[in-house]
C-alpha atoms as a PDB file:
ATOM      1  CA  MET A   1      18.056 -31.869 -28.243  1.00  0.00           C
ATOM      2  CA  THR A   2      16.531 -32.314 -24.818  1.00  0.00           C
ATOM      3  CA  LYS A   3      14.144 -29.710 -23.499  1.00  0.00           C
ATOM      4  CA  PRO A   4      15.093 -27.784 -20.359  1.00  0.00           C
ATOM      5  CA  LYS A   5      13.538 -28.983 -17.112  1.00  0.00           C
ATOM      6  CA  VAL A   6      11.601 -26.344 -15.176  1.00  0.00           C
ATOM      7  CA  ALA A   7      10.713 -27.020 -11.543  1.00  0.00           C
ATOM      8  CA  PHE A   8       7.952 -25.095  -9.800  1.00  0.00           C
ATOM      9  CA  ILE A   9       8.653 -25.165  -6.068  1.00  0.00           C
ATOM     10  CA  CYS A  10       6.625 -24.349  -2.983  1.00  0.00           C
ATOM     11  CA  VAL A  11       6.743 -25.804   0.494  1.00  0.00           C
ATOM     12  CA  HIS A  12       3.896 -28.346   0.389  1.00  0.00           C
ATOM     13  CA  ASN A  13       3.630 -29.017  -3.363  1.00  0.00           C
ATOM     14  CA  SER A  14      -0.146 -29.148  -3.112  1.00  0.00           C
ATOM     15  CA  CYS A  15      -1.519 -26.021  -4.796  1.00  0.00           C
ATOM     16  CA  ARG A  16       0.381 -23.282  -6.691  1.00  0.00           C
ATOM     17  CA  SER A  17       3.275 -25.469  -7.824  1.00  0.00           C
ATOM     18  CA  GLN A  18       0.851 -28.206  -8.915  1.00  0.00           C
ATOM     19  CA  ILE A  19      -1.155 -25.684 -10.948  1.00  0.00           C
ATOM     20  CA  ALA A  20       2.078 -24.446 -12.557  1.00  0.00           C
ATOM     21  CA  GLU A  21       3.145 -27.997 -13.425  1.00  0.00           C
ATOM     22  CA  ALA A  22      -0.252 -28.728 -15.004  1.00  0.00           C
ATOM     23  CA  LEU A  23      -0.334 -25.472 -16.990  1.00  0.00           C
ATOM     24  CA  GLY A  24       3.309 -25.859 -18.007  1.00  0.00           C
ATOM     25  CA  LYS A  25       2.551 -29.315 -19.405  1.00  0.00           C
ATOM     26  CA  ALA A  26      -0.606 -28.082 -21.142  1.00  0.00           C
ATOM     27  CA  LEU A  27       0.725 -24.805 -22.569  1.00  0.00           C
ATOM     28  CA  ALA A  28       4.506 -25.107 -22.928  1.00  0.00           C
ATOM     29  CA  SER A  29       5.464 -28.781 -23.293  1.00  0.00           C
ATOM     30  CA  ASP A  30       6.866 -27.982 -26.736  1.00  0.00           C
ATOM     31  CA  VAL A  31       9.472 -25.707 -25.099  1.00  0.00           C
ATOM     32  CA  PHE A  32      10.206 -27.163 -21.633  1.00  0.00           C
ATOM     33  CA  GLU A  33       9.426 -30.070 -19.323  1.00  0.00           C
ATOM     34  CA  SER A  34       7.419 -29.118 -16.229  1.00  0.00           C
ATOM     35  CA  TYR A  35       7.826 -30.531 -12.738  1.00  0.00           C
ATOM     36  CA  SER A  36       6.622 -29.468  -9.322  1.00  0.00           C
ATOM     37  CA  ALA A  37       7.935 -30.315  -5.896  1.00  0.00           C
ATOM     38  CA  GLY A  38       8.173 -29.162  -2.303  1.00  0.00           C
ATOM     39  CA  THR A  39      10.182 -29.650   0.859  1.00  0.00           C
ATOM     40  CA  GLU A  40       7.153 -31.356   2.417  1.00  0.00           C
ATOM     41  CA  THR A  41       4.268 -33.232   0.837  1.00  0.00           C
ATOM     42  CA  LYS A  42       0.536 -33.332   1.419  1.00  0.00           C
ATOM     43  CA  PRO A  43      -1.576 -36.491   1.105  1.00  0.00           C
ATOM     44  CA  GLN A  44      -3.503 -34.950  -1.794  1.00  0.00           C
ATOM     45  CA  ILE A  45      -3.479 -31.976  -4.121  1.00  0.00           C
ATOM     46  CA  ASN A  46      -5.583 -29.015  -2.931  1.00  0.00           C
ATOM     47  CA  GLN A  47      -9.153 -29.949  -3.854  1.00  0.00           C
ATOM     48  CA  ASP A  48     -10.153 -26.398  -4.812  1.00  0.00           C
ATOM     49  CA  ALA A  49      -7.205 -26.281  -7.220  1.00  0.00           C
ATOM     50  CA  VAL A  50      -8.196 -29.674  -8.653  1.00  0.00           C
ATOM     51  CA  ARG A  51     -11.841 -28.607  -9.103  1.00  0.00           C
ATOM     52  CA  LEU A  52     -11.022 -25.254 -10.698  1.00  0.00           C
ATOM     53  CA  MET A  53      -8.355 -26.645 -13.052  1.00  0.00           C
ATOM     54  CA  LYS A  54     -10.911 -29.204 -14.269  1.00  0.00           C
ATOM     55  CA  LYS A  55     -13.516 -26.478 -14.729  1.00  0.00           C
ATOM     56  CA  LEU A  56     -11.242 -23.866 -16.362  1.00  0.00           C
ATOM     57  CA  TYR A  57      -8.872 -26.026 -18.424  1.00  0.00           C
ATOM     58  CA  GLY A  58     -10.300 -29.554 -18.460  1.00  0.00           C
ATOM     59  CA  ILE A  59      -7.148 -30.755 -16.660  1.00  0.00           C
ATOM     60  CA  ASP A  60      -7.547 -33.425 -13.974  1.00  0.00           C
ATOM     61  CA  MET A  61      -4.404 -32.958 -11.898  1.00  0.00           C
ATOM     62  CA  GLU A  62      -5.235 -35.961  -9.711  1.00  0.00           C
ATOM     63  CA  GLN A  63      -4.941 -38.239 -12.744  1.00  0.00           C
ATOM     64  CA  THR A  64      -1.477 -37.066 -13.756  1.00  0.00           C
ATOM     65  CA  GLN A  65       0.184 -35.549 -10.667  1.00  0.00           C
ATOM     66  CA  HIS A  66       0.844 -36.111  -6.987  1.00  0.00           C
ATOM     67  CA  SER A  67       2.632 -34.259  -4.183  1.00  0.00           C
ATOM     68  CA  LYS A  68       6.409 -34.772  -4.573  1.00  0.00           C
ATOM     69  CA  LEU A  69       9.598 -33.871  -2.748  1.00  0.00           C
ATOM     70  CA  ILE A  70      12.420 -32.054  -4.509  1.00  0.00           C
ATOM     71  CA  SER A  71      14.450 -35.286  -4.355  1.00  0.00           C
ATOM     72  CA  ASP A  72      11.686 -37.049  -6.357  1.00  0.00           C
ATOM     73  CA  ILE A  73      12.144 -35.001  -9.550  1.00  0.00           C
ATOM     74  CA  PRO A  74      15.030 -34.673 -12.030  1.00  0.00           C
ATOM     75  CA  GLU A  75      17.507 -31.885 -11.340  1.00  0.00           C
ATOM     76  CA  PRO A  76      15.965 -28.767 -12.887  1.00  0.00           C
ATOM     77  CA  ASP A  77      17.647 -26.413 -15.320  1.00  0.00           C
ATOM     78  CA  ILE A  78      15.357 -23.640 -14.061  1.00  0.00           C
ATOM     79  CA  ALA A  79      13.869 -23.484 -10.556  1.00  0.00           C
ATOM     80  CA  ILE A  80      10.968 -21.147  -9.854  1.00  0.00           C
ATOM     81  CA  SER A  81       9.613 -20.354  -6.406  1.00  0.00           C
ATOM     82  CA  MET A  82       5.867 -19.826  -6.340  1.00  0.00           C
ATOM     83  CA  GLY A  83       6.153 -17.279  -3.531  1.00  0.00           C
ATOM     84  CA  CYS A  84       8.125 -17.022  -0.346  1.00  0.00           C
ATOM     85  CA  ASN A  85       5.372 -15.701   1.885  1.00  0.00           C
ATOM     86  CA  VAL A  86       5.541 -19.027   3.742  1.00  0.00           C
ATOM     87  CA  GLY A  87       9.355 -19.220   3.718  1.00  0.00           C
ATOM     88  CA  CYS A  88      11.391 -20.300   0.711  1.00  0.00           C
ATOM     89  CA  PRO A  89      12.515 -23.909   0.746  1.00  0.00           C
ATOM     90  CA  PHE A  90      16.199 -24.652   0.170  1.00  0.00           C
ATOM     91  CA  ILE A  91      16.657 -26.695  -2.987  1.00  0.00           C
ATOM     92  CA  GLY A  92      20.433 -26.875  -3.246  1.00  0.00           C
ATOM     93  CA  LYS A  93      20.710 -24.009  -5.741  1.00  0.00           C
ATOM     94  CA  PRO A  94      19.436 -20.446  -6.010  1.00  0.00           C
ATOM     95  CA  PHE A  95      15.996 -19.915  -7.500  1.00  0.00           C
ATOM     96  CA  ASP A  96      16.008 -18.534 -11.030  1.00  0.00           C
ATOM     97  CA  ASP A  97      12.791 -16.614 -10.365  1.00  0.00           C
ATOM     98  CA  ASN A  98      10.252 -15.985  -7.602  1.00  0.00           C
ATOM     99  CA  TRP A  99       6.728 -15.429  -8.869  1.00  0.00           C
ATOM    100  CA  GLY A 100       5.590 -14.026  -5.503  1.00  0.00           C
ATOM    101  CA  LEU A 101       2.149 -15.635  -5.586  1.00  0.00           C
ATOM    102  CA  GLU A 102      -0.075 -15.643  -2.515  1.00  0.00           C
ATOM    103  CA  ASP A 103      -1.253 -19.082  -1.445  1.00  0.00           C
ATOM    104  CA  PRO A 104      -5.005 -19.185  -2.230  1.00  0.00           C
ATOM    105  CA  THR A 105      -5.643 -22.164   0.065  1.00  0.00           C
ATOM    106  CA  GLY A 106      -8.790 -21.566   2.113  1.00  0.00           C
ATOM    107  CA  LYS A 107      -9.826 -18.567   0.020  1.00  0.00           C
ATOM    108  CA  ASN A 108     -12.782 -18.194  -2.345  1.00  0.00           C
ATOM    109  CA  ASP A 109     -12.902 -19.225  -6.010  1.00  0.00           C
ATOM    110  CA  GLU A 110     -12.251 -15.678  -7.221  1.00  0.00           C
ATOM    111  CA  GLU A 111      -8.942 -15.559  -5.319  1.00  0.00           C
ATOM    112  CA  PHE A 112      -8.032 -18.993  -6.687  1.00  0.00           C
ATOM    113  CA  LYS A 113      -8.858 -17.881 -10.231  1.00  0.00           C
ATOM    114  CA  LYS A 114      -6.636 -14.801  -9.850  1.00  0.00           C
ATOM    115  CA  VAL A 115      -3.710 -17.013  -8.841  1.00  0.00           C
ATOM    116  CA  ILE A 116      -4.404 -19.524 -11.631  1.00  0.00           C
ATOM    117  CA  ASP A 117      -4.611 -16.673 -14.158  1.00  0.00           C
ATOM    118  CA  GLU A 118      -1.318 -15.204 -12.933  1.00  0.00           C
ATOM    119  CA  ILE A 119       0.374 -18.616 -13.144  1.00  0.00           C
ATOM    120  CA  GLN A 120      -0.913 -18.998 -16.706  1.00  0.00           C
ATOM    121  CA  LYS A 121       0.497 -15.561 -17.631  1.00  0.00           C
ATOM    122  CA  GLN A 122       3.863 -16.387 -16.034  1.00  0.00           C
ATOM    123  CA  ILE A 123       4.031 -19.746 -17.877  1.00  0.00           C
ATOM    124  CA  MET A 124       3.435 -17.959 -21.194  1.00  0.00           C
ATOM    125  CA  LYS A 125       6.085 -15.305 -20.387  1.00  0.00           C
ATOM    126  CA  LEU A 126       8.580 -18.038 -19.504  1.00  0.00           C
ATOM    127  CA  LYS A 127       7.743 -19.938 -22.687  1.00  0.00           C
ATOM    128  CA  ASP A 128       8.225 -16.764 -24.776  1.00  0.00           C
ATOM    129  CA  ARG A 129      11.545 -15.936 -23.085  1.00  0.00           C
ATOM    130  CA  MET A 130      12.849 -19.456 -23.564  1.00  0.00           C
ATOM    131  CA  THR A 131      11.684 -19.584 -27.192  1.00  0.00           C
ATOM    132  CA  ASN A 132      13.294 -16.212 -27.969  1.00  0.00           C
ATOM    133  CA  SER A 133      16.571 -17.063 -26.203  1.00  0.00           C
ATOM    134  CA  ALA A 134      16.729 -20.386 -28.090  1.00  0.00           C
ATOM    135  CA  LEU A 135      16.365 -18.504 -31.380  1.00  0.00           C
ATOM    136  CA  GLY A 136      19.184 -16.238 -30.833  1.00  0.00           C
END
């Protein structure tokens, strides 16, 4: 049985969606495949996100991920918007969920950590929901 594909989407695919992809792979790869993408790309992943993910989780996102367009990933079974405060991208289907996360770009480490912590909580909730729905 193939695992469902979950896509974490935000406009630039450089910060929140990248964090979600990394945490999804680290914490829920037994339940779903994680991808991230955007409607635009950035030349590199947000360096504060990279630094803090290394520090907090030992994950080096620059080794395993890069900024991708929606057309660069497999068609997702579940599409999650990171937050539409910058305008939701159109991905060809409705979003299954909107996590409503503020973009921490340019903010201090504490604000980044709050967003990372919230993404981690949301990943675990999604994993639990998907595990429970698969059981019955």
